[in-house]
PDB file of all heavy atoms in Angstrom:
ATOM      1  N   LYS A   1      -9.740 103.837  -0.790  1.00  0.00           N
ATOM      2  CA  LYS A   1      -9.168 102.539  -0.433  1.00  0.00           C
ATOM      3  C   LYS A   1     -10.143 101.737   0.414  1.00  0.00           C
ATOM      4  O   LYS A   1     -10.326 100.539   0.212  1.00  0.00           O
ATOM      5  CB  LYS A   1      -7.857 102.759   0.313  1.00  0.00           C
ATOM      6  CG  LYS A   1      -7.149 101.473   0.714  1.00  0.00           C
ATOM      7  CD  LYS A   1      -5.845 101.793   1.430  1.00  0.00           C
ATOM      8  CE  LYS A   1      -5.160 100.490   1.863  1.00  0.00           C
ATOM      9  NZ  LYS A   1      -3.897 100.776   2.608  1.00  0.00           N
ATOM     10  N   ARG A   2     -10.810 102.396   1.382  1.00  0.00           N
ATOM     11  CA  ARG A   2     -11.765 101.703   2.244  1.00  0.00           C
ATOM     12  C   ARG A   2     -12.950 101.169   1.438  1.00  0.00           C
ATOM     13  O   ARG A   2     -13.454 100.092   1.694  1.00  0.00           O
ATOM     14  CB  ARG A   2     -12.261 102.644   3.341  1.00  0.00           C
ATOM     15  CG  ARG A   2     -11.242 102.893   4.447  1.00  0.00           C
ATOM     16  CD  ARG A   2     -11.780 103.927   5.422  1.00  0.00           C
ATOM     17  NE  ARG A   2     -10.851 104.158   6.521  1.00  0.00           N
ATOM     18  CZ  ARG A   2     -10.877 103.500   7.667  1.00  0.00           C
ATOM     19  NH1 ARG A   2     -11.772 102.534   7.856  1.00  0.00           N
ATOM     20  NH2 ARG A   2     -10.012 103.771   8.627  1.00  0.00           N
ATOM     21  N   LYS A   3     -13.408 101.952   0.460  1.00  0.00           N
ATOM     22  CA  LYS A   3     -14.520 101.489  -0.368  1.00  0.00           C
ATOM     23  C   LYS A   3     -14.147 100.252  -1.161  1.00  0.00           C
ATOM     24  O   LYS A   3     -14.924  99.314  -1.314  1.00  0.00           O
ATOM     25  CB  LYS A   3     -14.972 102.615  -1.305  1.00  0.00           C
ATOM     26  CG  LYS A   3     -15.737 103.718  -0.610  1.00  0.00           C
ATOM     27  CD  LYS A   3     -16.238 104.746  -1.607  1.00  0.00           C
ATOM     28  CE  LYS A   3     -17.051 105.818  -0.911  1.00  0.00           C
ATOM     29  NZ  LYS A   3     -17.567 106.820  -1.883  1.00  0.00           N
ATOM     30  N   LEU A   4     -12.927 100.241  -1.682  1.00  0.00           N
ATOM     31  CA  LEU A   4     -12.474  99.069  -2.432  1.00  0.00           C
ATOM     32  C   LEU A   4     -12.361  97.851  -1.525  1.00  0.00           C
ATOM     33  O   LEU A   4     -12.756  96.736  -1.890  1.00  0.00           O
ATOM     34  CB  LEU A   4     -11.131  99.375  -3.099  1.00  0.00           C
ATOM     35  CG  LEU A   4     -11.146 100.416  -4.223  1.00  0.00           C
ATOM     36  CD1 LEU A   4      -9.729 100.732  -4.674  1.00  0.00           C
ATOM     37  CD2 LEU A   4     -11.967  99.900  -5.400  1.00  0.00           C
ATOM     38  N   GLU A   5     -11.830  98.068  -0.323  1.00  0.00           N
ATOM     39  CA  GLU A   5     -11.668  96.952   0.597  1.00  0.00           C
ATOM     40  C   GLU A   5     -12.999  96.438   1.119  1.00  0.00           C
ATOM     41  O   GLU A   5     -13.151  95.249   1.408  1.00  0.00           O
ATOM     42  CB  GLU A   5     -10.786  97.384   1.772  1.00  0.00           C
ATOM     43  CG  GLU A   5      -9.339  97.644   1.376  1.00  0.00           C
ATOM     44  CD  GLU A   5      -8.524  98.164   2.551  1.00  0.00           C
ATOM     45  OE1 GLU A   5      -9.143  98.491   3.587  1.00  0.00           O
ATOM     46  OE2 GLU A   5      -7.289  98.246   2.430  1.00  0.00           O
ATOM     47  N   SER A   6     -13.995  97.330   1.252  1.00  0.00           N
ATOM     48  CA  SER A   6     -15.273  96.912   1.818  1.00  0.00           C
ATOM     49  C   SER A   6     -16.230  96.363   0.775  1.00  0.00           C
ATOM     50  O   SER A   6     -17.349  95.984   1.092  1.00  0.00           O
ATOM     51  CB  SER A   6     -15.936  98.089   2.532  1.00  0.00           C
ATOM     52  OG  SER A   6     -16.236  99.118   1.603  1.00  0.00           O
ATOM     53  N   GLY A   7     -15.798  96.367  -0.483  1.00  0.00           N
ATOM     54  CA  GLY A   7     -16.653  95.815  -1.534  1.00  0.00           C
ATOM     55  C   GLY A   7     -17.600  96.812  -2.138  1.00  0.00           C
ATOM     56  O   GLY A   7     -18.603  96.432  -2.733  1.00  0.00           O
ATOM     57  N   ALA A   8     -17.311  98.123  -1.953  1.00  0.00           N
ATOM     58  CA  ALA A   8     -18.194  99.136  -2.516  1.00  0.00           C
ATOM     59  C   ALA A   8     -18.161  99.141  -4.029  1.00  0.00           C
ATOM     60  O   ALA A   8     -19.052  99.664  -4.672  1.00  0.00           O
ATOM     61  CB  ALA A   8     -17.789 100.523  -1.995  1.00  0.00           C
ATOM     62  N   ASN A   9     -17.122  98.532  -4.600  1.00  0.00           N
ATOM     63  CA  ASN A   9     -17.015  98.506  -6.050  1.00  0.00           C
ATOM     64  C   ASN A   9     -17.504  97.191  -6.644  1.00  0.00           C
ATOM     65  O   ASN A   9     -17.279  96.901  -7.801  1.00  0.00           O
ATOM     66  CB  ASN A   9     -15.558  98.732  -6.464  1.00  0.00           C
ATOM     67  CG  ASN A   9     -14.633  97.643  -5.905  1.00  0.00           C
ATOM     68  OD1 ASN A   9     -14.957  97.031  -4.892  1.00  0.00           O
ATOM     69  ND2 ASN A   9     -13.507  97.415  -6.574  1.00  0.00           N
ATOM     70  N   THR A  10     -18.180  96.374  -5.826  1.00  0.00           N
ATOM     71  CA  THR A  10     -18.697  95.100  -6.334  1.00  0.00           C
ATOM     72  C   THR A  10     -19.917  95.350  -7.191  1.00  0.00           C
ATOM     73  O   THR A  10     -20.625  96.345  -7.015  1.00  0.00           O
ATOM     74  CB  THR A  10     -19.063  94.170  -5.172  1.00  0.00           C
ATOM     75  OG1 THR A  10     -20.005  94.859  -4.321  1.00  0.00           O
ATOM     76  CG2 THR A  10     -17.838  93.800  -4.370  1.00  0.00           C
ATOM     77  N   PRO A  11     -20.245  94.470  -8.133  1.00  0.00           N
ATOM     78  CA  PRO A  11     -21.404  94.660  -8.990  1.00  0.00           C
ATOM     79  C   PRO A  11     -22.692  94.714  -8.178  1.00  0.00           C
ATOM     80  O   PRO A  11     -22.767  94.222  -7.053  1.00  0.00           O
ATOM     81  CB  PRO A  11     -21.376  93.417  -9.905  1.00  0.00           C
ATOM     82  CG  PRO A  11     -19.954  92.949  -9.856  1.00  0.00           C
ATOM     83  CD  PRO A  11     -19.446  93.284  -8.501  1.00  0.00           C
ATOM     84  N   THR A  12     -23.726  95.340  -8.769  1.00  0.00           N
ATOM     85  CA  THR A  12     -25.015  95.473  -8.100  1.00  0.00           C
ATOM     86  C   THR A  12     -25.579  94.105  -7.741  1.00  0.00           C
ATOM     87  O   THR A  12     -25.594  93.188  -8.561  1.00  0.00           O
ATOM     88  CB  THR A  12     -26.010  96.211  -9.020  1.00  0.00           C
ATOM     89  OG1 THR A  12     -25.426  97.465  -9.393  1.00  0.00           O
ATOM     90  CG2 THR A  12     -27.338  96.441  -8.318  1.00  0.00           C
ATOM     91  N   GLY A  13     -26.070  94.005  -6.507  1.00  0.00           N
ATOM     92  CA  GLY A  13     -26.656  92.738  -6.068  1.00  0.00           C
ATOM     93  C   GLY A  13     -25.727  91.956  -5.189  1.00  0.00           C
ATOM     94  O   GLY A  13     -26.162  91.082  -4.448  1.00  0.00           O
ATOM     95  N   GLU A  14     -24.406  92.212  -5.257  1.00  0.00           N
ATOM     96  CA  GLU A  14     -23.477  91.506  -4.397  1.00  0.00           C
ATOM     97  C   GLU A  14     -23.320  92.254  -3.082  1.00  0.00           C
ATOM     98  O   GLU A  14     -23.335  93.473  -3.034  1.00  0.00           O
ATOM     99  CB  GLU A  14     -22.104  91.380  -5.091  1.00  0.00           C
ATOM    100  CG  GLU A  14     -22.152  90.534  -6.357  1.00  0.00           C
ATOM    101  CD  GLU A  14     -20.773  90.349  -6.951  1.00  0.00           C
ATOM    102  OE1 GLU A  14     -19.789  90.574  -6.222  1.00  0.00           O
ATOM    103  OE2 GLU A  14     -20.674  89.983  -8.126  1.00  0.00           O
ATOM    104  N   SER A  15     -23.191  91.510  -2.012  1.00  0.00           N
ATOM    105  CA  SER A  15     -23.103  92.130  -0.695  1.00  0.00           C
ATOM    106  C   SER A  15     -21.674  92.535  -0.396  1.00  0.00           C
ATOM    107  O   SER A  15     -20.722  91.964  -0.899  1.00  0.00           O
ATOM    108  CB  SER A  15     -23.607  91.152   0.369  1.00  0.00           C
ATOM    109  OG  SER A  15     -22.793  89.983   0.380  1.00  0.00           O
ATOM    110  N   GLY A  16     -21.550  93.544   0.488  1.00  0.00           N
ATOM    111  CA  GLY A  16     -20.230  93.981   0.929  1.00  0.00           C
ATOM    112  C   GLY A  16     -20.378  94.787   2.197  1.00  0.00           C
ATOM    113  O   GLY A  16     -21.305  95.578   2.350  1.00  0.00           O
ATOM    114  N   SER A  17     -19.540  94.601   3.155  1.00  0.00           N
ATOM    115  CA  SER A  17     -19.641  95.309   4.420  1.00  0.00           C
ATOM    116  C   SER A  17     -19.162  96.740   4.239  1.00  0.00           C
ATOM    117  O   SER A  17     -18.314  97.035   3.416  1.00  0.00           O
ATOM    118  CB  SER A  17     -18.808  94.597   5.484  1.00  0.00           C
ATOM    119  OG  SER A  17     -17.446  94.583   5.095  1.00  0.00           O
ATOM    120  N   SER A  18     -19.692  97.646   5.051  1.00  0.00           N
ATOM    121  CA  SER A  18     -19.328  99.059   4.965  1.00  0.00           C
ATOM    122  C   SER A  18     -18.380  99.408   6.101  1.00  0.00           C
ATOM    123  O   SER A  18     -18.536  98.955   7.226  1.00  0.00           O
ATOM    124  CB  SER A  18     -20.591  99.925   5.049  1.00  0.00           C
ATOM    125  OG  SER A  18     -20.242 101.280   5.089  1.00  0.00           O
ATOM    126  N   SER A  19     -17.358 100.216   5.801  1.00  0.00           N
ATOM    127  CA  SER A  19     -16.408 100.646   6.810  1.00  0.00           C
ATOM    128  C   SER A  19     -16.630 102.097   7.192  1.00  0.00           C
ATOM    129  O   SER A  19     -15.795 102.699   7.836  1.00  0.00           O
ATOM    130  CB  SER A  19     -14.983 100.455   6.292  1.00  0.00           C
ATOM    131  OG  SER A  19     -14.776 101.240   5.130  1.00  0.00           O
ATOM    132  N   GLU A  20     -17.736 102.676   6.769  1.00  0.00           N
ATOM    133  CA  GLU A  20     -18.045 104.061   7.084  1.00  0.00           C
ATOM    134  C   GLU A  20     -19.446 104.155   7.671  1.00  0.00           C
ATOM    135  O   GLU A  20     -20.289 103.285   7.452  1.00  0.00           O
ATOM    136  CB  GLU A  20     -17.934 104.932   5.830  1.00  0.00           C
ATOM    137  CG  GLU A  20     -16.517 105.009   5.262  1.00  0.00           C
ATOM    138  CD  GLU A  20     -16.437 105.946   4.078  1.00  0.00           C
ATOM    139  OE1 GLU A  20     -17.513 106.390   3.616  1.00  0.00           O
ATOM    140  OE2 GLU A  20     -15.333 106.249   3.629  1.00  0.00           O
ATOM    141  N   VAL A  21     -19.675 105.210   8.416  1.00  0.00           N
ATOM    142  CA  VAL A  21     -20.983 105.438   9.027  1.00  0.00           C
ATOM    143  C   VAL A  21     -21.383 106.891   8.787  1.00  0.00           C
ATOM    144  O   VAL A  21     -20.535 107.788   8.787  1.00  0.00           O
ATOM    145  CB  VAL A  21     -20.946 105.125  10.538  1.00  0.00           C
ATOM    146  CG1 VAL A  21     -19.926 106.010  11.258  1.00  0.00           C
ATOM    147  CG2 VAL A  21     -22.323 105.299  11.163  1.00  0.00           C
ATOM    148  N   MET A  22     -22.670 107.111   8.549  1.00  0.00           N
ATOM    149  CA  MET A  22     -23.180 108.455   8.295  1.00  0.00           C
ATOM    150  C   MET A  22     -23.738 109.021   9.594  1.00  0.00           C
ATOM    151  O   MET A  22     -24.588 108.412  10.245  1.00  0.00           O
ATOM    152  CB  MET A  22     -24.266 108.424   7.214  1.00  0.00           C
ATOM    153  CG  MET A  22     -24.747 109.803   6.798  1.00  0.00           C
ATOM    154  SD  MET A  22     -25.899 109.745   5.426  1.00  0.00           S
ATOM    155  CE  MET A  22     -24.795 109.218   4.100  1.00  0.00           C
ATOM    156  N   LEU A  23     -23.254 110.190   9.989  1.00  0.00           N
ATOM    157  CA  LEU A  23     -23.651 110.828  11.231  1.00  0.00           C
ATOM    158  C   LEU A  23     -24.155 112.241  10.960  1.00  0.00           C
ATOM    159  O   LEU A  23     -23.846 112.839   9.932  1.00  0.00           O
ATOM    160  CB  LEU A  23     -22.460 110.900  12.202  1.00  0.00           C
ATOM    161  CG  LEU A  23     -21.783 109.586  12.583  1.00  0.00           C
ATOM    162  CD1 LEU A  23     -20.552 109.860  13.437  1.00  0.00           C
ATOM    163  CD2 LEU A  23     -22.758 108.680  13.330  1.00  0.00           C
ATOM    164  N   SER A  24     -24.928 112.774  11.888  1.00  0.00           N
ATOM    165  CA  SER A  24     -25.399 114.154  11.791  1.00  0.00           C
ATOM    166  C   SER A  24     -25.161 114.855  13.121  1.00  0.00           C
ATOM    167  O   SER A  24     -25.189 114.223  14.184  1.00  0.00           O
ATOM    168  CB  SER A  24     -26.885 114.206  11.444  1.00  0.00           C
ATOM    169  OG  SER A  24     -27.672 113.637  12.478  1.00  0.00           O
ATOM    170  N   LYS A  25     -24.949 116.167  13.038  1.00  0.00           N
ATOM    171  CA  LYS A  25     -24.760 116.961  14.251  1.00  0.00           C
ATOM    172  C   LYS A  25     -25.216 118.388  13.964  1.00  0.00           C
ATOM    173  O   LYS A  25     -25.203 118.847  12.811  1.00  0.00           O
ATOM    174  CB  LYS A  25     -23.301 116.950  14.687  1.00  0.00           C
ATOM    175  CG  LYS A  25     -22.353 117.780  13.844  1.00  0.00           C
ATOM    176  CD  LYS A  25     -20.958 117.789  14.417  1.00  0.00           C
ATOM    177  CE  LYS A  25     -20.053 118.788  13.696  1.00  0.00           C
ATOM    178  NZ  LYS A  25     -20.466 120.186  13.941  1.00  0.00           N
ATOM    179  N   PRO A  26     -25.650 119.093  15.013  1.00  0.00           N
ATOM    180  CA  PRO A  26     -26.085 120.478  14.793  1.00  0.00           C
ATOM    181  C   PRO A  26     -24.913 121.350  14.340  1.00  0.00           C
ATOM    182  O   PRO A  26     -23.759 121.118  14.701  1.00  0.00           O
ATOM    183  CB  PRO A  26     -26.589 120.914  16.181  1.00  0.00           C
ATOM    184  CG  PRO A  26     -26.798 119.651  16.936  1.00  0.00           C
ATOM    185  CD  PRO A  26     -25.828 118.666  16.397  1.00  0.00           C
ATOM    186  N   THR A  27     -25.233 122.338  13.528  1.00  0.00           N
ATOM    187  CA  THR A  27     -24.212 123.291  13.105  1.00  0.00           C
ATOM    188  C   THR A  27     -23.797 124.164  14.287  1.00  0.00           C
ATOM    189  O   THR A  27     -24.518 124.289  15.285  1.00  0.00           O
ATOM    190  CB  THR A  27     -24.727 124.185  11.971  1.00  0.00           C
ATOM    191  OG1 THR A  27     -25.923 124.841  12.409  1.00  0.00           O
ATOM    192  CG2 THR A  27     -25.029 123.368  10.734  1.00  0.00           C
ATOM    193  N   ASP A  28     -22.634 124.775  14.170  1.00  0.00           N
ATOM    194  CA  ASP A  28     -22.112 125.599  15.263  1.00  0.00           C
ATOM    195  C   ASP A  28     -22.932 126.868  15.457  1.00  0.00           C
ATOM    196  O   ASP A  28     -23.018 127.401  16.558  1.00  0.00           O
ATOM    197  CB  ASP A  28     -20.652 125.962  15.000  1.00  0.00           C
ATOM    198  CG  ASP A  28     -19.750 124.731  14.977  1.00  0.00           C
ATOM    199  OD1 ASP A  28     -20.096 123.746  15.654  1.00  0.00           O
ATOM    200  OD2 ASP A  28     -18.729 124.753  14.269  1.00  0.00           O
ATOM    201  N   GLN A  29     -23.549 127.347  14.385  1.00  0.00           N
ATOM    202  CA  GLN A  29     -24.322 128.576  14.471  1.00  0.00           C
ATOM    203  C   GLN A  29     -25.804 128.267  14.297  1.00  0.00           C
ATOM    204  O   GLN A  29     -26.189 127.543  13.376  1.00  0.00           O
ATOM    205  CB  GLN A  29     -23.883 129.577  13.407  1.00  0.00           C
ATOM    206  CG  GLN A  29     -22.443 130.074  13.588  1.00  0.00           C
ATOM    207  CD  GLN A  29     -22.056 131.078  12.524  1.00  0.00           C
ATOM    208  OE1 GLN A  29     -22.730 131.221  11.523  1.00  0.00           O
ATOM    209  NE2 GLN A  29     -20.952 131.777  12.745  1.00  0.00           N
ATOM    210  N   ALA A  30     -26.632 128.797  15.196  1.00  0.00           N
ATOM    211  CA  ALA A  30     -28.080 128.616  15.119  1.00  0.00           C
ATOM    212  C   ALA A  30     -28.743 129.951  14.806  1.00  0.00           C
ATOM    213  O   ALA A  30     -28.254 131.012  15.210  1.00  0.00           O
ATOM    214  CB  ALA A  30     -28.626 128.051  16.433  1.00  0.00           C
ATOM    215  N   ARG A  31     -29.855 129.904  14.079  1.00  0.00           N
ATOM    216  CA  ARG A  31     -30.574 131.128  13.757  1.00  0.00           C
ATOM    217  C   ARG A  31     -31.294 131.636  15.001  1.00  0.00           C
ATOM    218  O   ARG A  31     -31.855 130.866  15.774  1.00  0.00           O
ATOM    219  CB  ARG A  31     -31.584 130.855  12.641  1.00  0.00           C
ATOM    220  CG  ARG A  31     -30.933 130.373  11.362  1.00  0.00           C
ATOM    221  CD  ARG A  31     -31.953 130.064  10.298  1.00  0.00           C
ATOM    222  NE  ARG A  31     -31.352 129.380   9.159  1.00  0.00           N
ATOM    223  CZ  ARG A  31     -32.031 128.928   8.114  1.00  0.00           C
ATOM    224  NH1 ARG A  31     -33.341 129.077   8.074  1.00  0.00           N
ATOM    225  NH2 ARG A  31     -31.417 128.325   7.128  1.00  0.00           N
ATOM    226  N   GLY A  32     -31.286 132.935  15.168  1.00  0.00           N
ATOM    227  CA  GLY A  32     -31.824 133.523  16.384  1.00  0.00           C
ATOM    228  C   GLY A  32     -33.307 133.819  16.309  1.00  0.00           C
ATOM    229  O   GLY A  32     -34.032 133.369  15.420  1.00  0.00           O
TER     230      GLY A  32
END
């Protein structure tokens, strides 16, 4: 639903705002 509302389904070349953000974080387990 968010992708549709933000214009993620618009044709190539048309602008659309994003309602999601890509984040990274360390895993809970680290190699010793």
